Amino acid sequence: MKGKNNKGEKYPAILSLVEKNWIRRAFDDYFNKGKTILYFCTDSNCIKPAGSLNIKHVYFKLKGEISISLKADFVGFTERNPREFRLLGCENEIAKYYYGFKIPIWLKSPFALSDLKYFKSGKNLRPDVPGACIIIDPFENVK
């Protein structure tokens, strides 16, 4: 895993903790029907800076698992509900923040949550991280 460019700069990413049924629904009811951009929501204040950072990826940890198994390209961050890009039945769900991503891909080699670091502090994530947060992107190496 990289997380830094040749100058040693670190790059941010969003870590999203989601239940398996939300990912299943995202594929079955959304992406497999030809849609390409989806927004999930969170009340976690930890991702508020996402709107001002150069984020390229969202990583997903499924609840009940100990590793990060999915990665998606980040599309956007907003405090306004993008109803047209939400799962059916979730269009009116109210939250503090909404983050968008393109079709996630399953990682060939999932990695442990403990391998990740918080973006701001550089400290390792705790295994009991409570919700979405900003991490150092483990794969990004942009010049």
C-alpha atoms as a PDB file:
ATOM      1  CA  MET A   1       0.000   0.000   0.000  1.00  0.00           C
ATOM      2  CA  LYS A   2       1.231   3.442  -0.877  1.00  0.00           C
ATOM      3  CA  GLY A   3      -0.825   6.379   0.343  1.00  0.00           C
ATOM      4  CA  LYS A   4       1.849   8.961  -0.487  1.00  0.00           C
ATOM      5  CA  ASN A   5       3.249  10.409  -3.671  1.00  0.00           C
ATOM      6  CA  ASN A   6       6.918  10.862  -4.546  1.00  0.00           C
ATOM      7  CA  LYS A   7       7.012  14.029  -2.433  1.00  0.00           C
ATOM      8  CA  GLY A   8       5.723  12.198   0.638  1.00  0.00           C
ATOM      9  CA  GLU A   9       2.351  13.941   0.522  1.00  0.00           C
ATOM     10  CA  LYS A  10      -0.564  11.882   1.728  1.00  0.00           C
ATOM     11  CA  TYR A  11      -3.891  11.679  -0.096  1.00  0.00           C
ATOM     12  CA  PRO A  12      -7.322  11.413   1.522  1.00  0.00           C
ATOM     13  CA  ALA A  13     -10.037   8.825   0.929  1.00  0.00           C
ATOM     14  CA  ILE A  14     -13.349   8.054   2.582  1.00  0.00           C
ATOM     15  CA  LEU A  15     -13.791   4.909   4.610  1.00  0.00           C
ATOM     16  CA  SER A  16     -17.421   3.840   4.777  1.00  0.00           C
ATOM     17  CA  LEU A  17     -18.707   1.210   7.181  1.00  0.00           C
ATOM     18  CA  VAL A  18     -21.849  -0.316   5.721  1.00  0.00           C
ATOM     19  CA  GLU A  19     -24.065  -3.301   6.260  1.00  0.00           C
ATOM     20  CA  LYS A  20     -23.845  -6.029   3.618  1.00  0.00           C
ATOM     21  CA  ASN A  21     -27.485  -5.575   2.649  1.00  0.00           C
ATOM     22  CA  TRP A  22     -26.805  -1.970   1.520  1.00  0.00           C
ATOM     23  CA  ILE A  23     -24.040  -3.095  -0.810  1.00  0.00           C
ATOM     24  CA  ARG A  24     -26.199  -5.949  -2.073  1.00  0.00           C
ATOM     25  CA  ARG A  25     -29.036  -3.502  -2.739  1.00  0.00           C
ATOM     26  CA  ALA A  26     -26.641  -1.079  -4.414  1.00  0.00           C
ATOM     27  CA  PHE A  27     -25.688  -3.757  -6.937  1.00  0.00           C
ATOM     28  CA  ASP A  28     -29.068  -5.514  -7.325  1.00  0.00           C
ATOM     29  CA  ASP A  29     -31.368  -2.504  -7.328  1.00  0.00           C
ATOM     30  CA  TYR A  30     -29.111   0.192  -8.723  1.00  0.00           C
ATOM     31  CA  PHE A  31     -25.845  -0.572 -10.517  1.00  0.00           C
ATOM     32  CA  ASN A  32     -27.099  -3.748 -12.230  1.00  0.00           C
ATOM     33  CA  LYS A  33     -29.935  -1.656 -13.650  1.00  0.00           C
ATOM     34  CA  GLY A  34     -27.563   0.653 -15.523  1.00  0.00           C
ATOM     35  CA  LYS A  35     -27.144   3.475 -13.018  1.00  0.00           C
ATOM     36  CA  THR A  36     -23.549   4.518 -12.378  1.00  0.00           C
ATOM     37  CA  ILE A  37     -23.516   7.043  -9.519  1.00  0.00           C
ATOM     38  CA  LEU A  38     -24.959   6.423  -6.061  1.00  0.00           C
ATOM     39  CA  TYR A  39     -24.963   8.510  -2.885  1.00  0.00           C
ATOM     40  CA  PHE A  40     -24.955   7.020   0.599  1.00  0.00           C
ATOM     41  CA  CYS A  41     -25.509   9.130   3.681  1.00  0.00           C
ATOM     42  CA  THR A  42     -23.936   9.472   7.097  1.00  0.00           C
ATOM     43  CA  ASP A  43     -24.238  11.557  10.234  1.00  0.00           C
ATOM     44  CA  SER A  44     -20.533  11.146  11.004  1.00  0.00           C
ATOM     45  CA  ASN A  45     -18.913  14.545  11.517  1.00  0.00           C
ATOM     46  CA  CYS A  46     -15.569  12.940  10.687  1.00  0.00           C
ATOM     47  CA  ILE A  47     -16.201  13.304   6.959  1.00  0.00           C
ATOM     48  CA  LYS A  48     -17.277  16.952   6.966  1.00  0.00           C
ATOM     49  CA  PRO A  49     -13.903  18.047   5.479  1.00  0.00           C
ATOM     50  CA  ALA A  50     -14.513  15.748   2.478  1.00  0.00           C
ATOM     51  CA  GLY A  51     -15.979  18.631   0.495  1.00  0.00           C
ATOM     52  CA  SER A  52     -12.711  20.545   0.558  1.00  0.00           C
ATOM     53  CA  LEU A  53     -10.226  17.693   0.084  1.00  0.00           C
ATOM     54  CA  ASN A  54      -8.970  16.117  -3.117  1.00  0.00           C
ATOM     55  CA  ILE A  55     -10.588  12.729  -2.490  1.00  0.00           C
ATOM     56  CA  LYS A  56     -10.460  10.157  -5.273  1.00  0.00           C
ATOM     57  CA  HIS A  57     -11.707   6.939  -3.626  1.00  0.00           C
ATOM     58  CA  VAL A  58     -14.214   5.487  -1.199  1.00  0.00           C
ATOM     59  CA  TYR A  59     -13.357   2.215   0.565  1.00  0.00           C
ATOM     60  CA  PHE A  60     -16.006   0.008   2.126  1.00  0.00           C
ATOM     61  CA  LYS A  61     -15.797  -2.153   5.210  1.00  0.00           C
ATOM     62  CA  LEU A  62     -18.804  -4.405   5.512  1.00  0.00           C
ATOM     63  CA  LYS A  63     -20.136  -4.780   9.043  1.00  0.00           C
ATOM     64  CA  GLY A  64     -19.218  -8.130  10.520  1.00  0.00           C
ATOM     65  CA  GLU A  65     -16.041  -8.409   8.444  1.00  0.00           C
ATOM     66  CA  ILE A  66     -12.540  -7.435   9.509  1.00  0.00           C
ATOM     67  CA  SER A  67     -11.202  -6.283   6.167  1.00  0.00           C
ATOM     68  CA  ILE A  68     -11.802  -3.655   3.517  1.00  0.00           C
ATOM     69  CA  SER A  69     -13.249  -5.446   0.531  1.00  0.00           C
ATOM     70  CA  LEU A  70     -14.587  -2.828  -1.900  1.00  0.00           C
ATOM     71  CA  LYS A  71     -13.261   0.315  -3.533  1.00  0.00           C
ATOM     72  CA  ALA A  72     -15.101   2.928  -5.615  1.00  0.00           C
ATOM     73  CA  ASP A  73     -14.254   6.183  -7.337  1.00  0.00           C
ATOM     74  CA  PHE A  74     -15.448   9.165  -5.320  1.00  0.00           C
ATOM     75  CA  VAL A  75     -17.916  11.445  -7.119  1.00  0.00           C
ATOM     76  CA  GLY A  76     -18.887  14.138  -4.656  1.00  0.00           C
ATOM     77  CA  PHE A  77     -19.846  15.313  -1.214  1.00  0.00           C
ATOM     78  CA  THR A  78     -22.848  17.409  -0.249  1.00  0.00           C
ATOM     79  CA  GLU A  79     -24.984  18.408   2.685  1.00  0.00           C
ATOM     80  CA  ARG A  80     -28.084  18.452   0.449  1.00  0.00           C
ATOM     81  CA  ASN A  81     -29.865  15.206  -0.322  1.00  0.00           C
ATOM     82  CA  PRO A  82     -29.210  14.192  -3.969  1.00  0.00           C
ATOM     83  CA  ARG A  83     -32.512  12.290  -4.170  1.00  0.00           C
ATOM     84  CA  GLU A  84     -32.130  11.277  -7.808  1.00  0.00           C
ATOM     85  CA  PHE A  85     -28.942   9.364  -6.928  1.00  0.00           C
ATOM     86  CA  ARG A  86     -30.241   7.440  -3.917  1.00  0.00           C
ATOM     87  CA  LEU A  87     -31.509   3.883  -3.539  1.00  0.00           C
ATOM     88  CA  LEU A  88     -35.214   3.369  -4.063  1.00  0.00           C
ATOM     89  CA  GLY A  89     -36.933   3.969  -0.738  1.00  0.00           C
ATOM     90  CA  CYS A  90     -34.026   6.022   0.624  1.00  0.00           C
ATOM     91  CA  GLU A  91     -34.624   9.165  -1.432  1.00  0.00           C
ATOM     92  CA  ASN A  92     -36.091  11.078   1.493  1.00  0.00           C
ATOM     93  CA  GLU A  93     -33.764   9.765   4.200  1.00  0.00           C
ATOM     94  CA  ILE A  94     -32.323  12.715   6.077  1.00  0.00           C
ATOM     95  CA  ALA A  95     -28.678  12.826   7.189  1.00  0.00           C
ATOM     96  CA  LYS A  96     -25.984  15.433   7.775  1.00  0.00           C
ATOM     97  CA  TYR A  97     -23.859  14.412   4.779  1.00  0.00           C
ATOM     98  CA  TYR A  98     -24.103  12.526   1.485  1.00  0.00           C
ATOM     99  CA  TYR A  99     -21.146  11.100  -0.407  1.00  0.00           C
ATOM    100  CA  GLY A 100     -21.300   9.831  -3.950  1.00  0.00           C
ATOM    101  CA  PHE A 101     -19.382   7.085  -5.684  1.00  0.00           C
ATOM    102  CA  LYS A 102     -19.291   5.128  -8.918  1.00  0.00           C
ATOM    103  CA  ILE A 103     -19.761   1.367  -9.224  1.00  0.00           C
ATOM    104  CA  PRO A 104     -17.618  -0.286  -6.509  1.00  0.00           C
ATOM    105  CA  ILE A 105     -15.202  -3.066  -7.349  1.00  0.00           C
ATOM    106  CA  TRP A 106     -14.306  -6.001  -5.130  1.00  0.00           C
ATOM    107  CA  LEU A 107     -10.654  -5.892  -4.143  1.00  0.00           C
ATOM    108  CA  LYS A 108      -8.615  -8.920  -5.211  1.00  0.00           C
ATOM    109  CA  SER A 109      -6.707  -8.732  -1.955  1.00  0.00           C
ATOM    110  CA  PRO A 110      -8.808  -7.284   0.872  1.00  0.00           C
ATOM    111  CA  PHE A 111      -6.803  -5.592   3.616  1.00  0.00           C
ATOM    112  CA  ALA A 112      -7.277  -5.222   7.345  1.00  0.00           C
ATOM    113  CA  LEU A 113      -8.887  -2.175   8.864  1.00  0.00           C
ATOM    114  CA  SER A 114      -5.864  -1.926  11.150  1.00  0.00           C
ATOM    115  CA  ASP A 115      -3.653  -1.260   8.093  1.00  0.00           C
ATOM    116  CA  LEU A 116      -5.358   2.114   7.582  1.00  0.00           C
ATOM    117  CA  LYS A 117      -4.484   5.476   9.088  1.00  0.00           C
ATOM    118  CA  TYR A 118      -6.564   8.555   9.808  1.00  0.00           C
ATOM    119  CA  PHE A 119      -5.814  11.285   7.279  1.00  0.00           C
ATOM    120  CA  LYS A 120      -5.388  14.195   9.650  1.00  0.00           C
ATOM    121  CA  SER A 121      -3.445  12.547  12.469  1.00  0.00           C
ATOM    122  CA  GLY A 122      -1.722   9.675  10.656  1.00  0.00           C
ATOM    123  CA  LYS A 123      -2.655   7.381  13.548  1.00  0.00           C
ATOM    124  CA  ASN A 124      -3.793   3.825  12.898  1.00  0.00           C
ATOM    125  CA  LEU A 125      -7.530   3.266  12.787  1.00  0.00           C
ATOM    126  CA  ARG A 126      -8.996   1.552  15.774  1.00  0.00           C
ATOM    127  CA  PRO A 127     -10.870  -1.673  15.045  1.00  0.00           C
ATOM    128  CA  ASP A 128     -13.997  -0.143  16.577  1.00  0.00           C
ATOM    129  CA  VAL A 129     -14.106   2.918  14.294  1.00  0.00           C
ATOM    130  CA  PRO A 130     -17.749   4.024  14.675  1.00  0.00           C
ATOM    131  CA  GLY A 131     -18.594   5.334  11.230  1.00  0.00           C
ATOM    132  CA  ALA A 132     -17.469   7.002   8.035  1.00  0.00           C
ATOM    133  CA  CYS A 133     -14.169   8.830   8.293  1.00  0.00           C
ATOM    134  CA  ILE A 134     -11.340  10.238   6.203  1.00  0.00           C
ATOM    135  CA  ILE A 135      -8.287   8.043   5.883  1.00  0.00           C
ATOM    136  CA  ILE A 136      -4.969   8.135   4.053  1.00  0.00           C
ATOM    137  CA  ASP A 137      -5.723   6.536   0.698  1.00  0.00           C
ATOM    138  CA  PRO A 138      -3.921   3.180   0.822  1.00  0.00           C
ATOM    139  CA  PHE A 139      -3.468   2.929  -2.958  1.00  0.00           C
ATOM    140  CA  GLU A 140      -3.246   6.472  -4.292  1.00  0.00           C
ATOM    141  CA  ASN A 141       0.108   7.652  -5.581  1.00  0.00           C
ATOM    142  CA  VAL A 142      -0.705  10.787  -7.562  1.00  0.00           C
ATOM    143  CA  LYS A 143       2.017  13.140  -8.772  1.00  0.00           C
END
